[in-house]
Amino acid sequence: MLQDKLSPSMMCASFFELAAQTATFEKNGIELLHIDVMDGSFAPNFALGVDFARQLKQNCYIPLDIHLMVREPEKHIPSFPIAEGDIVSVHIESTDKPRECIEAIKSRGARAFIVLNPETPTSALSELLPLIDGVLIMAVNPGFAGQKMLPGTIEKIAETRRLLDEAGRGDAEIEVDGNVSIENGIRMRGAGANIFVLGTAALFRGDLEANIHAFRDEVFGS
């Protein structure tokens, strides 16, 4: 059975309290740190980047979960501080060289995920199933925090899980990003997701530690 994991969205973190917040994550056994990288072209926003990822890598032992929302990610992968235990996700819509991206990620010892935008069908994964370590499903359109989960997300998670299992890839994980509230998280987990990107809907409001415990108790205990 795949391990349930939490991946706080660092785009939603307070840069003024970053050291304290990452210390809280370490104390509470957070498994990943989700880093949204946007170029203002593929995604209609600018966010985070190589230097931010490098600072986290140097000052926090939690593995990085780098989400490249950029055009031609194959050109940018070598710049990031990718190491064993990290995850790097690239959008199938952003490149015509997905195999090259996967090989570049794995050559650094990291795990390669393919991202599906809300409008992209799961059939886009078919030729890559033997190569990937997981799938990141967007429950909202890329770009901004605070959006509501789009219709069809739960069904898409379940369809992706079936596709992976039928291909003999029961070891491949499913990550979900966008409006991962406790209520939505329960449904997402029930459909087959096991990595949850937590932003403003469930984590970055009020007491971080209490929110972590609440999500684990309500979603993983369900």
Protein backbone atom coordinates (compact mmCIF):
# COMPACT_ATOMS: atom_id res chain seq x y z
CA MET A 1 0.00 0.00 0.00
CA LEU A 2 1.30 3.44 -0.92
CA GLN A 3 2.26 5.78 1.92
CA ASP A 4 0.11 8.84 2.49
CA LYS A 5 2.19 12.02 2.29
CA LEU A 6 1.74 15.74 2.86
CA SER A 7 3.44 18.33 0.66
CA PRO A 8 2.91 21.92 1.88
CA SER A 9 2.72 24.44 -0.95
CA MET A 10 5.61 26.79 -0.24
CA MET A 11 4.05 29.40 -2.52
CA CYS A 12 1.50 29.87 0.28
CA ALA A 13 4.09 30.08 3.07
CA SER A 14 5.05 33.34 4.75
CA PHE A 15 8.54 34.29 3.63
CA PHE A 16 8.86 36.33 6.84
CA GLU A 17 8.28 33.18 8.90
CA LEU A 18 9.88 30.61 6.62
CA ALA A 19 12.45 29.29 9.12
CA ALA A 20 9.80 28.78 11.80
CA GLN A 21 7.36 27.19 9.38
CA THR A 22 9.89 24.71 7.96
CA ALA A 23 10.94 23.86 11.54
CA THR A 24 7.29 23.05 12.27
CA PHE A 25 7.18 20.84 9.19
CA GLU A 26 10.31 18.98 10.27
CA LYS A 27 8.98 18.54 13.81
CA ASN A 28 5.73 17.07 12.50
CA GLY A 29 7.22 14.67 9.98
CA ILE A 30 6.10 16.41 6.80
CA GLU A 31 7.24 14.24 3.90
CA LEU A 32 7.75 16.80 1.08
CA LEU A 33 7.93 20.52 0.35
CA HIS A 34 6.00 21.52 -2.77
CA ILE A 35 7.72 24.21 -4.83
CA ASP A 36 5.63 25.79 -7.59
CA VAL A 37 7.89 27.16 -10.32
CA MET A 38 6.06 29.42 -12.81
CA ASP A 39 7.45 31.32 -15.75
CA GLY A 40 4.56 33.72 -16.48
CA SER A 41 4.06 32.00 -19.81
CA PHE A 42 2.93 28.41 -19.32
CA ALA A 43 1.22 29.48 -16.09
CA PRO A 44 -0.21 33.02 -15.77
CA ASN A 45 1.86 33.90 -12.72
CA PHE A 46 5.47 34.14 -11.56
CA ALA A 47 6.49 32.08 -8.54
CA LEU A 48 9.57 30.66 -6.83
CA GLY A 49 12.66 29.43 -8.63
CA VAL A 50 16.13 27.91 -8.47
CA ASP A 51 17.52 30.09 -5.66
CA PHE A 52 14.49 29.47 -3.44
CA ALA A 53 14.78 25.71 -3.99
CA ARG A 54 18.50 25.83 -3.25
CA GLN A 55 17.93 27.71 0.02
CA LEU A 56 15.40 25.12 1.16
CA LYS A 57 17.70 22.28 0.19
CA GLN A 58 20.55 23.81 2.21
CA ASN A 59 18.53 24.62 5.31
CA CYS A 60 15.85 21.93 5.58
CA TYR A 61 16.18 18.17 5.34
CA ILE A 62 12.68 17.54 3.94
CA PRO A 63 12.81 16.34 0.31
CA LEU A 64 11.70 18.79 -2.36
CA ASP A 65 8.63 18.33 -4.53
CA ILE A 66 9.42 20.59 -7.49
CA HIS A 67 6.48 21.37 -9.76
CA LEU A 68 7.70 22.90 -13.02
CA MET A 69 4.93 24.99 -14.57
CA VAL A 70 7.24 26.27 -17.30
CA ARG A 71 7.62 25.90 -21.04
CA GLU A 72 10.38 23.55 -22.21
CA PRO A 73 11.18 22.20 -18.72
CA GLU A 74 14.01 20.13 -20.18
CA LYS A 75 16.02 23.36 -20.38
CA HIS A 76 15.53 24.15 -16.68
CA ILE A 77 15.80 20.79 -14.91
CA PRO A 78 19.64 20.89 -14.75
CA SER A 79 19.53 24.20 -12.83
CA PHE A 80 17.63 22.85 -9.83
CA PRO A 81 19.21 21.23 -6.74
CA ILE A 82 17.66 17.85 -7.42
CA ALA A 83 18.78 14.87 -5.36
CA GLU A 84 17.72 11.41 -4.25
CA GLY A 85 14.38 11.49 -2.48
CA ASP A 86 13.11 14.54 -4.34
CA ILE A 87 10.21 14.60 -6.80
CA VAL A 88 10.21 16.67 -9.99
CA SER A 89 6.96 17.05 -11.93
CA VAL A 90 6.65 18.30 -15.49
CA HIS A 91 3.47 19.06 -17.42
CA ILE A 92 2.78 16.84 -20.40
CA GLU A 93 1.35 19.97 -22.08
CA SER A 94 4.59 21.98 -21.64
CA THR A 95 7.06 19.92 -23.65
CA ASP A 96 7.44 17.78 -26.74
CA LYS A 97 10.33 15.96 -25.01
CA PRO A 98 8.72 14.25 -21.99
CA ARG A 99 11.05 11.26 -22.16
CA GLU A 100 14.09 13.54 -22.10
CA CYS A 101 12.66 15.26 -19.01
CA ILE A 102 12.04 11.97 -17.25
CA GLU A 103 15.55 10.72 -18.02
CA ALA A 104 17.11 13.99 -16.80
CA ILE A 105 15.20 13.82 -13.52
CA LYS A 106 16.02 10.18 -12.88
CA SER A 107 19.68 10.67 -13.74
CA ARG A 108 19.90 12.89 -10.65
CA GLY A 109 18.38 10.22 -8.42
CA ALA A 110 15.00 11.96 -8.13
CA ARG A 111 11.56 10.63 -8.98
CA ALA A 112 9.79 11.78 -12.16
CA PHE A 113 6.09 12.68 -12.17
CA ILE A 114 3.97 13.81 -15.11
CA VAL A 115 1.36 16.52 -14.48
CA LEU A 116 -2.08 16.61 -16.07
CA ASN A 117 -3.95 19.91 -16.35
CA PRO A 118 -7.71 19.74 -15.74
CA GLU A 119 -8.54 19.59 -19.45
CA THR A 120 -5.88 16.97 -20.31
CA PRO A 121 -7.20 13.38 -20.55
CA THR A 122 -5.52 10.51 -18.75
CA SER A 123 -4.90 8.89 -22.15
CA ALA A 124 -2.01 11.38 -22.55
CA LEU A 125 -0.07 9.20 -20.09
CA SER A 126 -0.31 5.96 -22.03
CA GLU A 127 3.16 5.86 -23.62
CA LEU A 128 4.87 7.09 -20.46
CA LEU A 129 3.40 4.67 -17.93
CA PRO A 130 6.46 2.38 -17.85
CA LEU A 131 8.78 5.35 -17.21
CA ILE A 132 7.14 7.56 -14.61
CA ASP A 133 7.10 7.29 -10.83
CA GLY A 134 3.80 9.09 -10.40
CA VAL A 135 1.14 11.45 -11.71
CA LEU A 136 0.29 14.91 -10.39
CA ILE A 137 -3.34 15.77 -11.08
CA MET A 138 -4.30 19.43 -11.08
CA ALA A 139 -7.65 20.00 -9.38
CA VAL A 140 -7.54 23.67 -10.44
CA ASN A 141 -6.04 25.55 -13.36
CA PRO A 142 -2.34 26.34 -12.81
CA GLY A 143 -1.37 29.77 -11.57
CA PHE A 144 -3.01 30.96 -8.39
CA ALA A 145 -3.90 29.71 -4.92
CA GLY A 146 -7.41 29.91 -3.52
CA GLN A 147 -9.33 28.39 -6.45
CA LYS A 148 -12.18 25.91 -6.06
CA MET A 149 -11.77 22.29 -7.11
CA LEU A 150 -12.96 21.77 -10.68
CA PRO A 151 -15.72 19.27 -11.50
CA GLY A 152 -14.50 15.86 -12.60
CA THR A 153 -11.37 15.88 -10.44
CA ILE A 154 -12.36 12.93 -8.26
CA GLU A 155 -13.34 10.85 -11.27
CA LYS A 156 -10.03 11.70 -12.95
CA ILE A 157 -8.05 10.55 -9.91
CA ALA A 158 -9.93 7.23 -9.92
CA GLU A 159 -9.42 6.84 -13.67
CA THR A 160 -5.69 7.50 -13.30
CA ARG A 161 -5.42 4.93 -10.52
CA ARG A 162 -7.16 2.34 -12.71
CA LEU A 163 -4.89 3.17 -15.64
CA LEU A 164 -1.76 2.76 -13.53
CA ASP A 165 -2.94 -0.47 -11.92
CA GLU A 166 -3.93 -2.01 -15.26
CA ALA A 167 -0.45 -1.20 -16.57
CA GLY A 168 1.11 -3.03 -13.62
CA ARG A 169 2.13 0.24 -11.99
CA GLY A 170 0.61 -0.17 -8.56
CA ASP A 171 3.84 1.34 -7.24
CA ALA A 172 3.24 4.68 -9.03
CA GLU A 173 1.87 7.42 -6.81
CA ILE A 174 -0.89 9.96 -7.42
CA GLU A 175 -0.42 13.50 -6.16
CA VAL A 176 -3.19 16.08 -6.18
CA ASP A 177 -2.83 19.86 -6.19
CA GLY A 178 -5.54 22.49 -5.82
CA ASN A 179 -8.16 23.18 -3.12
CA VAL A 180 -7.07 20.19 -1.04
CA SER A 181 -9.34 20.87 1.92
CA ILE A 182 -10.11 18.19 4.49
CA GLU A 183 -13.46 17.53 2.84
CA ASN A 184 -11.95 17.28 -0.65
CA GLY A 185 -8.95 15.36 0.68
CA ILE A 186 -11.17 12.57 1.98
CA ARG A 187 -12.74 12.18 -1.47
CA MET A 188 -9.37 12.45 -3.25
CA ARG A 189 -7.82 9.76 -1.06
CA GLY A 190 -10.85 7.53 -1.56
CA ALA A 191 -10.35 7.83 -5.33
CA GLY A 192 -6.69 6.81 -5.13
CA ALA A 193 -4.53 9.86 -4.35
CA ASN A 194 -1.80 9.46 -1.72
CA ILE A 195 0.21 12.73 -1.93
CA PHE A 196 -1.63 15.90 -0.98
CA VAL A 197 -0.41 19.43 -1.75
CA LEU A 198 -1.68 21.59 1.10
CA GLY A 199 -2.17 25.32 0.62
CA THR A 200 -4.63 27.87 1.92
CA ALA A 201 -7.58 25.44 2.02
CA ALA A 202 -6.21 23.26 4.81
CA LEU A 203 -2.82 24.39 6.09
CA PHE A 204 -1.67 27.99 5.75
CA ARG A 205 -4.24 29.61 7.98
CA GLY A 206 -4.08 29.66 11.76
CA ASP A 207 -2.02 27.07 13.64
CA LEU A 208 0.15 25.03 11.24
CA GLU A 209 0.74 22.19 13.66
CA ALA A 210 -2.94 21.87 14.55
CA ASN A 211 -3.86 21.94 10.86
CA ILE A 212 -1.37 19.16 10.07
CA HIS A 213 -2.83 16.95 12.79
CA ALA A 214 -6.40 17.74 11.74
CA PHE A 215 -5.75 16.79 8.12
CA ARG A 216 -4.00 13.55 9.03
CA ASP A 217 -6.68 12.58 11.53
CA GLU A 218 -9.63 13.38 9.28
CA VAL A 219 -8.24 12.31 5.88
CA PHE A 220 -5.77 9.53 6.61
CA GLY A 221 -7.88 8.19 9.44
CA SER A 222 -11.00 8.07 7.30
